């Protein structure tokens, strides 16, 4: 093919509201330059079970940087729509390579169940490339302590309440509370 795309992410796993860094690489294998090259990224779009329309588990946050043959060329300002993000490369010389580096944030549509993943696909003409990143399996335990009444009088009874919450996506086990 005259143009071959590839895609990967720098992170090994994701959590809700985390940032992912994506790299889209393009190799111009032809003897002619490409101009106004359109690179469309679907931001991981998928259709959840029972849903009528696709959702995007990623939100483009930028910035987007373009490197040509390993040298910084410019900051890109992509078009962001409900279908994803579109980058336009002004030119890609014959025999050269380009790298688009950008950030996206994991949003509320991202699947958080263990063994889930986000597969983000980029399309350049008829060529596609995808990068998948799995959800991080973790327990995220927080604890709050409340005492009442406040203030307390000497000799009065004090009530202590602990609220323990797990914001992770797997069960927290073997917890020990020491006060």
C-alpha atoms as a PDB file:
ATOM      1  CA  UNK A   1       0.000   0.000   0.000  1.00  0.00           C
ATOM      2  CA  UNK A   2       1.229   3.522  -0.687  1.00  0.00           C
ATOM      3  CA  UNK A   3       0.285   4.616   2.835  1.00  0.00           C
ATOM      4  CA  UNK A   4       0.448   2.369   5.889  1.00  0.00           C
ATOM      5  CA  UNK A   5      -0.899   3.465   9.290  1.00  0.00           C
ATOM      6  CA  UNK A   6      -0.171   2.003  12.727  1.00  0.00           C
ATOM      7  CA  UNK A   7      -1.499   2.946  16.161  1.00  0.00           C
ATOM      8  CA  UNK A   8      -0.527   2.330  19.778  1.00  0.00           C
ATOM      9  CA  UNK A   9      -0.916   3.767  23.243  1.00  0.00           C
ATOM     10  CA  UNK A  10       1.802   4.477  25.784  1.00  0.00           C
ATOM     11  CA  UNK A  11      -0.235   3.252  28.772  1.00  0.00           C
ATOM     12  CA  UNK A  12      -0.644  -0.404  29.741  1.00  0.00           C
ATOM     13  CA  UNK A  13      -4.165  -0.022  31.202  1.00  0.00           C
ATOM     14  CA  UNK A  14      -6.848   2.574  31.916  1.00  0.00           C
ATOM     15  CA  UNK A  15      -8.996   3.723  34.820  1.00  0.00           C
ATOM     16  CA  UNK A  16     -11.942   6.069  34.793  1.00  0.00           C
ATOM     17  CA  UNK A  17     -10.913   9.705  34.187  1.00  0.00           C
ATOM     18  CA  UNK A  18      -7.322   8.714  33.331  1.00  0.00           C
ATOM     19  CA  UNK A  19      -5.472  10.123  30.337  1.00  0.00           C
ATOM     20  CA  UNK A  20      -4.201   7.933  27.502  1.00  0.00           C
ATOM     21  CA  UNK A  21      -1.462   8.994  25.097  1.00  0.00           C
ATOM     22  CA  UNK A  22      -1.964   7.736  21.537  1.00  0.00           C
ATOM     23  CA  UNK A  23       0.566   7.561  18.728  1.00  0.00           C
ATOM     24  CA  UNK A  24      -0.570   7.293  15.116  1.00  0.00           C
ATOM     25  CA  UNK A  25       2.245   6.567  12.699  1.00  0.00           C
ATOM     26  CA  UNK A  26       1.985   6.865   8.944  1.00  0.00           C
ATOM     27  CA  UNK A  27       4.499   5.658   6.400  1.00  0.00           C
ATOM     28  CA  UNK A  28       4.377   7.082   2.852  1.00  0.00           C
ATOM     29  CA  UNK A  29       5.639   4.164   0.790  1.00  0.00           C
ATOM     30  CA  UNK A  30       5.033   5.899  -2.543  1.00  0.00           C
ATOM     31  CA  UNK A  31       7.195   8.073  -4.779  1.00  0.00           C
ATOM     32  CA  UNK A  32       4.761  10.991  -4.490  1.00  0.00           C
ATOM     33  CA  UNK A  33       3.840  13.254  -1.565  1.00  0.00           C
ATOM     34  CA  UNK A  34       0.425  13.202   0.074  1.00  0.00           C
ATOM     35  CA  UNK A  35      -1.184  16.606   0.652  1.00  0.00           C
ATOM     36  CA  UNK A  36      -4.093  17.472   2.940  1.00  0.00           C
ATOM     37  CA  UNK A  37      -4.054  13.938   4.293  1.00  0.00           C
ATOM     38  CA  UNK A  38      -7.133  13.190   6.453  1.00  0.00           C
ATOM     39  CA  UNK A  39      -6.674  10.967   9.508  1.00  0.00           C
ATOM     40  CA  UNK A  40      -9.940  10.013  11.265  1.00  0.00           C
ATOM     41  CA  UNK A  41      -9.920   8.602  14.797  1.00  0.00           C
ATOM     42  CA  UNK A  42     -13.121   7.099  16.273  1.00  0.00           C
ATOM     43  CA  UNK A  43     -12.066   7.629  19.932  1.00  0.00           C
ATOM     44  CA  UNK A  44     -12.937   4.008  20.703  1.00  0.00           C
ATOM     45  CA  UNK A  45     -16.571   4.196  19.543  1.00  0.00           C
ATOM     46  CA  UNK A  46     -18.697   1.115  20.275  1.00  0.00           C
ATOM     47  CA  UNK A  47     -22.404   0.357  20.720  1.00  0.00           C
ATOM     48  CA  UNK A  48     -23.275  -0.920  24.217  1.00  0.00           C
ATOM     49  CA  UNK A  49     -25.761  -3.777  24.572  1.00  0.00           C
ATOM     50  CA  UNK A  50     -29.294  -2.438  24.231  1.00  0.00           C
ATOM     51  CA  UNK A  51     -28.176   1.014  23.019  1.00  0.00           C
ATOM     52  CA  UNK A  52     -29.430   2.549  19.792  1.00  0.00           C
ATOM     53  CA  UNK A  53     -26.326   4.562  18.965  1.00  0.00           C
ATOM     54  CA  UNK A  54     -22.589   4.231  19.458  1.00  0.00           C
ATOM     55  CA  UNK A  55     -20.787   5.972  22.298  1.00  0.00           C
ATOM     56  CA  UNK A  56     -17.194   7.134  22.599  1.00  0.00           C
ATOM     57  CA  UNK A  57     -15.318   6.050  25.734  1.00  0.00           C
ATOM     58  CA  UNK A  58     -12.613   8.640  25.073  1.00  0.00           C
ATOM     59  CA  UNK A  59     -12.719  12.432  24.975  1.00  0.00           C
ATOM     60  CA  UNK A  60     -10.040  14.218  22.961  1.00  0.00           C
ATOM     61  CA  UNK A  61      -8.095  16.543  25.263  1.00  0.00           C
ATOM     62  CA  UNK A  62      -5.059  17.309  23.136  1.00  0.00           C
ATOM     63  CA  UNK A  63      -2.701  18.715  22.390  1.00  0.00           C
ATOM     64  CA  UNK A  64      -1.862  16.986  19.106  1.00  0.00           C
ATOM     65  CA  UNK A  65       1.675  17.180  17.804  1.00  0.00           C
ATOM     66  CA  UNK A  66       2.923  16.199  14.360  1.00  0.00           C
ATOM     67  CA  UNK A  67       6.425  14.830  13.792  1.00  0.00           C
ATOM     68  CA  UNK A  68       7.746  14.166  10.281  1.00  0.00           C
ATOM     69  CA  UNK A  69      10.781  11.898   9.990  1.00  0.00           C
ATOM     70  CA  UNK A  70      11.296  12.228  13.755  1.00  0.00           C
ATOM     71  CA  UNK A  71      11.370  16.046  13.774  1.00  0.00           C
ATOM     72  CA  UNK A  72       8.631  18.187  15.325  1.00  0.00           C
ATOM     73  CA  UNK A  73       6.677  19.778  12.467  1.00  0.00           C
ATOM     74  CA  UNK A  74       3.718  21.529  14.119  1.00  0.00           C
ATOM     75  CA  UNK A  75       0.890  21.428  16.612  1.00  0.00           C
ATOM     76  CA  UNK A  76      -2.298  20.152  14.964  1.00  0.00           C
ATOM     77  CA  UNK A  77      -5.770  21.552  15.612  1.00  0.00           C
ATOM     78  CA  UNK A  78      -8.137  18.679  14.815  1.00  0.00           C
ATOM     79  CA  UNK A  79     -11.848  18.804  14.077  1.00  0.00           C
ATOM     80  CA  UNK A  80     -13.648  17.210  17.022  1.00  0.00           C
ATOM     81  CA  UNK A  81     -17.167  15.895  16.337  1.00  0.00           C
ATOM     82  CA  UNK A  82     -19.578  13.388  17.856  1.00  0.00           C
ATOM     83  CA  UNK A  83     -18.019  10.774  15.539  1.00  0.00           C
ATOM     84  CA  UNK A  84     -14.457  11.261  16.751  1.00  0.00           C
ATOM     85  CA  UNK A  85     -11.540  13.480  15.892  1.00  0.00           C
ATOM     86  CA  UNK A  86     -10.072  14.287  12.457  1.00  0.00           C
ATOM     87  CA  UNK A  87      -6.502  15.411  11.921  1.00  0.00           C
ATOM     88  CA  UNK A  88      -5.379  16.971   8.624  1.00  0.00           C
ATOM     89  CA  UNK A  89      -1.718  16.715   7.678  1.00  0.00           C
ATOM     90  CA  UNK A  90      -0.693  19.466   5.259  1.00  0.00           C
ATOM     91  CA  UNK A  91       1.799  17.195   3.508  1.00  0.00           C
ATOM     92  CA  UNK A  92       3.667  13.943   3.870  1.00  0.00           C
ATOM     93  CA  UNK A  93       6.647  13.766   1.513  1.00  0.00           C
ATOM     94  CA  UNK A  94       7.383  10.656  -0.548  1.00  0.00           C
ATOM     95  CA  UNK A  95       9.228   7.975   1.405  1.00  0.00           C
ATOM     96  CA  UNK A  96       8.749   9.755   4.727  1.00  0.00           C
ATOM     97  CA  UNK A  97       6.946   8.940   7.947  1.00  0.00           C
ATOM     98  CA  UNK A  98       4.711  10.961  10.224  1.00  0.00           C
ATOM     99  CA  UNK A  99       3.782  10.561  13.859  1.00  0.00           C
ATOM    100  CA  UNK A 100       0.728  12.157  15.447  1.00  0.00           C
ATOM    101  CA  UNK A 101       0.897  12.222  19.228  1.00  0.00           C
ATOM    102  CA  UNK A 102      -2.209  13.190  21.226  1.00  0.00           C
ATOM    103  CA  UNK A 103      -4.021  12.678  24.531  1.00  0.00           C
ATOM    104  CA  UNK A 104      -7.551  11.494  25.266  1.00  0.00           C
ATOM    105  CA  UNK A 105      -9.339  11.144  28.619  1.00  0.00           C
ATOM    106  CA  UNK A 106     -11.301   8.046  29.615  1.00  0.00           C
ATOM    107  CA  UNK A 107     -14.903   9.192  30.153  1.00  0.00           C
ATOM    108  CA  UNK A 108     -18.137   7.766  31.624  1.00  0.00           C
ATOM    109  CA  UNK A 109     -18.836   5.594  28.554  1.00  0.00           C
ATOM    110  CA  UNK A 110     -15.694   3.507  29.085  1.00  0.00           C
ATOM    111  CA  UNK A 111     -16.373  -0.063  30.206  1.00  0.00           C
ATOM    112  CA  UNK A 112     -14.945  -0.623  33.687  1.00  0.00           C
ATOM    113  CA  UNK A 113     -15.835  -4.271  34.289  1.00  0.00           C
ATOM    114  CA  UNK A 114     -12.817  -6.573  34.669  1.00  0.00           C
ATOM    115  CA  UNK A 115     -11.499  -7.892  31.319  1.00  0.00           C
ATOM    116  CA  UNK A 116     -12.957  -4.891  29.411  1.00  0.00           C
ATOM    117  CA  UNK A 117     -10.908  -2.890  26.938  1.00  0.00           C
ATOM    118  CA  UNK A 118     -11.072   0.160  24.721  1.00  0.00           C
ATOM    119  CA  UNK A 119     -10.214  -0.425  21.075  1.00  0.00           C
ATOM    120  CA  UNK A 120      -9.474   2.856  19.324  1.00  0.00           C
ATOM    121  CA  UNK A 121      -9.355   2.809  15.508  1.00  0.00           C
ATOM    122  CA  UNK A 122      -7.863   5.271  13.063  1.00  0.00           C
ATOM    123  CA  UNK A 123      -8.755   5.396   9.362  1.00  0.00           C
ATOM    124  CA  UNK A 124      -6.594   6.910   6.647  1.00  0.00           C
ATOM    125  CA  UNK A 125      -8.357   6.458   3.329  1.00  0.00           C
ATOM    126  CA  UNK A 126      -9.098   2.743   3.028  1.00  0.00           C
ATOM    127  CA  UNK A 127      -6.436   1.774   5.585  1.00  0.00           C
ATOM    128  CA  UNK A 128      -7.211   1.219   9.288  1.00  0.00           C
ATOM    129  CA  UNK A 129      -5.133   0.651  12.392  1.00  0.00           C
ATOM    130  CA  UNK A 130      -6.272  -0.032  15.959  1.00  0.00           C
ATOM    131  CA  UNK A 131      -4.864   0.030  19.459  1.00  0.00           C
ATOM    132  CA  UNK A 132      -6.491  -1.762  22.383  1.00  0.00           C
ATOM    133  CA  UNK A 133      -5.866  -1.020  26.036  1.00  0.00           C
ATOM    134  CA  UNK A 134      -7.368  -3.096  28.881  1.00  0.00           C
ATOM    135  CA  UNK A 135      -9.110  -1.754  31.951  1.00  0.00           C
ATOM    136  CA  UNK A 136      -7.013  -1.759  35.094  1.00  0.00           C
ATOM    137  CA  UNK A 137      -8.481  -4.116  37.718  1.00  0.00           C
ATOM    138  CA  UNK A 138      -8.209  -2.411  41.083  1.00  0.00           C
ATOM    139  CA  UNK A 139      -9.858  -1.723  44.408  1.00  0.00           C
ATOM    140  CA  UNK A 140      -9.965   1.941  45.418  1.00  0.00           C
ATOM    141  CA  UNK A 141     -10.997   2.112  49.053  1.00  0.00           C
ATOM    142  CA  UNK A 142     -11.752   5.334  50.886  1.00  0.00           C
ATOM    143  CA  UNK A 143     -12.800   5.825  54.488  1.00  0.00           C
ATOM    144  CA  UNK A 144     -14.504   8.677  56.288  1.00  0.00           C
ATOM    145  CA  UNK A 145     -14.806   9.028  60.039  1.00  0.00           C
ATOM    146  CA  UNK A 146     -17.526  11.098  61.646  1.00  0.00           C
ATOM    147  CA  UNK A 147     -17.989  11.790  65.353  1.00  0.00           C
ATOM    148  CA  UNK A 148     -21.020  13.269  67.044  1.00  0.00           C
ATOM    149  CA  UNK A 149     -21.911  15.293  68.874  1.00  0.00           C
ATOM    150  CA  UNK A 150     -19.350  17.904  68.021  1.00  0.00           C
ATOM    151  CA  UNK A 151     -18.298  19.506  70.323  1.00  0.00           C
ATOM    152  CA  UNK A 152     -18.682  16.907  73.050  1.00  0.00           C
ATOM    153  CA  UNK A 153     -19.151  17.629  76.695  1.00  0.00           C
ATOM    154  CA  UNK A 154     -17.015  15.871  79.290  1.00  0.00           C
ATOM    155  CA  UNK A 155     -18.578  12.557  80.249  1.00  0.00           C
ATOM    156  CA  UNK A 156     -21.054  12.575  77.327  1.00  0.00           C
ATOM    157  CA  UNK A 157     -21.504   9.647  74.983  1.00  0.00           C
ATOM    158  CA  UNK A 158     -19.660   9.876  71.658  1.00  0.00           C
ATOM    159  CA  UNK A 159     -20.884   8.148  68.484  1.00  0.00           C
ATOM    160  CA  UNK A 160     -18.256   7.279  65.874  1.00  0.00           C
ATOM    161  CA  UNK A 161     -19.377   6.364  62.336  1.00  0.00           C
ATOM    162  CA  UNK A 162     -17.084   4.970  59.642  1.00  0.00           C
ATOM    163  CA  UNK A 163     -18.126   5.075  55.985  1.00  0.00           C
ATOM    164  CA  UNK A 164     -16.067   2.778  53.788  1.00  0.00           C
ATOM    165  CA  UNK A 165     -16.436   2.935  50.007  1.00  0.00           C
ATOM    166  CA  UNK A 166     -14.796   1.014  47.159  1.00  0.00           C
ATOM    167  CA  UNK A 167     -14.641   3.087  43.955  1.00  0.00           C
ATOM    168  CA  UNK A 168     -12.653   0.433  42.112  1.00  0.00           C
ATOM    169  CA  UNK A 169     -13.934  -2.228  39.753  1.00  0.00           C
ATOM    170  CA  UNK A 170     -13.013  -5.313  41.802  1.00  0.00           C
ATOM    171  CA  UNK A 171     -13.883  -6.283  45.368  1.00  0.00           C
ATOM    172  CA  UNK A 172     -11.665  -5.057  48.158  1.00  0.00           C
ATOM    173  CA  UNK A 173     -10.727  -8.023  50.334  1.00  0.00           C
ATOM    174  CA  UNK A 174      -9.072  -8.559  53.701  1.00  0.00           C
ATOM    175  CA  UNK A 175      -9.753  -5.011  54.905  1.00  0.00           C
ATOM    176  CA  UNK A 176      -8.828  -4.257  58.500  1.00  0.00           C
ATOM    177  CA  UNK A 177     -10.078  -1.142  60.275  1.00  0.00           C
ATOM    178  CA  UNK A 178      -8.079  -0.035  63.292  1.00  0.00           C
ATOM    179  CA  UNK A 179      -9.133   3.053  65.212  1.00  0.00           C
END
